[in-house]
Each structure stands twice: as structure tokens, then as C-alpha cells.
Amino acid sequence: MLDVRYTGQEHAVTVPFPTGAEDMAGAVARAFAELHERQYGHVMDDPVEITTMRVWATGHVDKPTLPRIGTRTDGRPRAGGVRPVFLDEDEQAVEYALHVRESLLAGDVITGPAVIAEHTATTVIHEGDRLEVDTGRGGWPRPSA
């Protein structure tokens, strides 16, 4: 599919890609003129331009090898502090154990209440929730209830 418009115009008309045409530019211009007249009631002699070309492709790629992280050998993960969490706007904050995402290792299990902090996100694990660091997908935390 192609988005085509008169040069300098703001709005474009979506035109099917003319497969098999010897004069591609001419086929696009003709299809655009037909659709433009149908949608807007007129055509102009101004030059046309393609603003967007959409391409769909199918292919085969090798399955990526995800990085593995180490497994903890010295017991359980330790919280690096506490973080206040507001569960209700009318209540005082509750202290949750604070863990740093980058310090977690494969197989680590953390039960709520806890906060997992990282550079771009924060994960809150409430009372009764459980987080287990996955060993099969690069070590991404997997929350579970």
C-alpha cells in the first residue's frame, strides 16, 4: 500500500501498490487521481508524491539464544532496604522490602510485600504475591499470585 498526495498537501490517499505495471509512476498517479476524485470530488494537475510505502514480508529467522544469568549459591536474595508504598490515599504508607532488579539471580524467589526497582521500571509485589526469577528466559522476573 502507498500513501500518495499532491505535493505540499497535508492529507494522503492510500493507493494499492500496482503490481506488474510497466510504468509504476504512471499507474500510481492514475490510481491516486481516481481515488482522490472519488473521495474529494476533484483532481488537480499538481505533481504527486508518495509519503509512505507499507511492505509486508515473511521470512525465517534462527531462534535467538537468550543470555543466562547465574544462580544464587549463598541462600536467598537480601533486600537492600525498604520503600514506602501507599496502598490507599487515606492510609499511611506501608514499608515494603526493596530489591534491586539487577541483583536478582536465576531461581530467586521473593514473596510480598516487596518492591523490585530497576532503571526503567518498578514492580510491586503485594502481600500474598510471589516472584520467581526465571531460569529459562534470560532471567526475567515472573510474578505469580
Protein backbone atom coordinates (compact mmCIF):
# COMPACT_ATOMS: atom_id res chain seq x y z
CA MET A 1 0.00 0.00 0.00
CA LEU A 2 1.13 3.54 -0.75
CA ASP A 3 0.07 6.83 0.78
CA VAL A 4 0.04 9.41 -2.02
CA ARG A 5 -0.79 13.12 -2.01
CA TYR A 6 -0.40 16.19 -4.14
CA THR A 7 2.97 17.77 -3.40
CA GLY A 8 2.59 20.13 -0.46
CA GLN A 9 -0.79 18.77 0.64
CA GLU A 10 -1.31 17.57 4.20
CA HIS A 11 -3.61 14.59 3.66
CA ALA A 12 -2.79 11.50 1.64
CA VAL A 13 -4.88 8.86 -0.09
CA THR A 14 -3.99 5.18 0.36
CA VAL A 15 -3.43 3.52 -3.01
CA PRO A 16 -2.77 -0.19 -3.64
CA PHE A 17 0.69 -0.95 -4.98
CA PRO A 18 0.39 -1.51 -8.75
CA THR A 19 1.90 -4.96 -9.25
CA GLY A 20 3.03 -5.83 -12.75
CA ALA A 21 2.72 -2.31 -14.19
CA GLU A 22 5.42 -1.32 -16.69
CA ASP A 23 5.02 2.36 -15.80
CA MET A 24 4.81 2.24 -11.99
CA ALA A 25 4.79 6.03 -11.51
CA GLY A 26 2.03 6.43 -14.07
CA ALA A 27 -0.03 3.61 -12.55
CA VAL A 28 0.29 5.15 -9.08
CA ALA A 29 -0.67 8.61 -10.40
CA ARG A 30 -3.74 7.21 -12.20
CA ALA A 31 -4.90 5.21 -9.16
CA PHE A 32 -4.35 8.25 -6.94
CA ALA A 33 -6.33 10.54 -9.27
CA GLU A 34 -9.23 8.08 -9.36
CA LEU A 35 -9.34 7.69 -5.58
CA HIS A 36 -8.79 11.42 -4.95
CA GLU A 37 -11.70 12.31 -7.22
CA ARG A 38 -13.91 9.71 -5.51
CA GLN A 39 -13.00 10.97 -2.02
CA TYR A 40 -12.70 14.72 -2.61
CA GLY A 41 -14.68 15.31 -5.81
CA HIS A 42 -11.84 16.75 -7.89
CA VAL A 43 -8.36 16.19 -9.31
CA MET A 44 -5.54 18.66 -9.90
CA ASP A 45 -2.62 18.90 -12.32
CA ASP A 46 -0.12 19.26 -9.45
CA PRO A 47 2.64 16.65 -9.13
CA VAL A 48 2.02 13.78 -6.71
CA GLU A 49 4.35 12.29 -4.13
CA ILE A 50 4.45 9.04 -2.18
CA THR A 51 4.68 9.76 1.54
CA THR A 52 4.51 6.21 2.88
CA MET A 53 5.15 2.75 1.45
CA ARG A 54 3.99 -0.23 3.50
CA VAL A 55 5.74 -3.53 2.96
CA TRP A 56 4.79 -6.89 4.46
CA ALA A 57 7.35 -9.65 4.46
CA THR A 58 7.59 -13.17 5.77
CA GLY A 59 10.83 -14.92 6.49
CA HIS A 60 12.54 -17.44 8.66
CA VAL A 61 14.99 -16.45 11.35
CA ASP A 62 17.07 -18.55 13.68
CA LYS A 63 15.73 -18.82 17.20
CA PRO A 64 17.82 -16.46 19.35
CA THR A 65 19.92 -17.74 22.19
CA LEU A 66 18.90 -15.81 25.27
CA PRO A 67 21.54 -14.93 27.82
CA ARG A 68 21.65 -16.96 31.03
CA ILE A 69 22.26 -15.45 34.39
CA GLY A 70 23.91 -17.07 37.36
CA THR A 71 22.17 -18.97 40.11
CA ARG A 72 22.45 -17.87 43.73
CA THR A 73 24.60 -20.19 45.86
CA ASP A 74 24.52 -18.22 49.11
CA GLY A 75 20.92 -18.56 50.29
CA ARG A 76 18.11 -16.16 49.49
CA PRO A 77 18.18 -12.70 47.94
CA ARG A 78 18.53 -9.98 50.54
CA ALA A 79 16.56 -6.75 50.48
CA GLY A 80 18.68 -3.64 50.13
CA GLY A 81 16.35 -1.53 52.24
CA VAL A 82 12.70 -0.59 52.42
CA ARG A 83 10.40 1.51 50.23
CA PRO A 84 7.20 3.19 51.45
CA VAL A 85 4.15 2.10 49.43
CA PHE A 86 0.79 3.85 49.58
CA LEU A 87 -1.98 1.26 49.30
CA ASP A 88 -4.80 3.74 49.89
CA GLU A 89 -4.80 7.53 49.69
CA ASP A 90 -6.44 7.72 53.14
CA GLU A 91 -3.89 5.46 54.85
CA GLN A 92 -0.27 5.82 55.89
CA ALA A 93 2.44 4.30 53.70
CA VAL A 94 3.43 0.70 54.39
CA GLU A 95 7.08 -0.35 54.26
CA TYR A 96 7.88 -2.92 51.56
CA ALA A 97 11.23 -4.71 51.23
CA LEU A 98 13.30 -3.13 48.44
CA HIS A 99 15.21 -5.30 45.97
CA VAL A 100 17.34 -4.12 43.05
CA ARG A 101 16.40 -5.97 39.85
CA GLU A 102 19.99 -6.28 38.67
CA SER A 103 20.99 -8.10 41.88
CA LEU A 104 18.46 -10.93 41.39
CA LEU A 105 19.69 -14.30 40.10
CA ALA A 106 18.04 -17.26 38.43
CA GLY A 107 15.79 -19.17 40.79
CA ASP A 108 15.50 -16.35 43.34
CA VAL A 109 12.09 -16.23 45.00
CA ILE A 110 10.69 -13.10 46.63
CA THR A 111 7.38 -13.03 48.45
CA GLY A 112 5.40 -9.88 49.04
CA PRO A 113 5.31 -7.31 50.27
CA ALA A 114 8.28 -6.16 48.19
CA VAL A 115 9.31 -3.64 45.56
CA ILE A 116 11.67 -4.61 42.73
CA ALA A 117 13.37 -1.46 41.42
CA GLU A 118 15.30 -1.13 38.19
CA HIS A 119 16.37 1.70 35.92
CA THR A 120 13.24 1.77 33.73
CA ALA A 121 10.53 0.11 35.83
CA THR A 122 9.26 -0.73 39.28
CA THR A 123 7.46 -3.97 40.12
CA VAL A 124 5.31 -4.10 43.25
CA ILE A 125 4.76 -7.50 44.88
CA HIS A 126 1.90 -7.29 47.40
CA GLU A 127 1.21 -9.49 50.41
CA GLY A 128 0.42 -13.00 49.17
CA ASP A 129 2.20 -12.46 45.81
CA ARG A 130 5.33 -14.35 44.82
CA LEU A 131 8.05 -13.53 42.30
CA GLU A 132 10.39 -16.16 40.90
CA VAL A 133 13.30 -15.22 38.65
CA ASP A 134 13.02 -17.41 35.58
CA THR A 135 15.94 -19.61 34.61
CA GLY A 136 14.81 -20.27 31.03
CA ARG A 137 14.23 -16.81 29.54
CA GLY A 138 17.28 -14.78 30.34
CA GLY A 139 16.38 -14.35 34.00
CA TRP A 140 13.35 -12.07 33.65
CA PRO A 141 11.24 -11.94 36.84
CA ARG A 142 7.97 -13.82 36.60
CA PRO A 143 5.34 -12.55 39.09
CA SER A 144 2.79 -15.12 40.24
CA ALA A 145 -0.09 -14.99 42.64
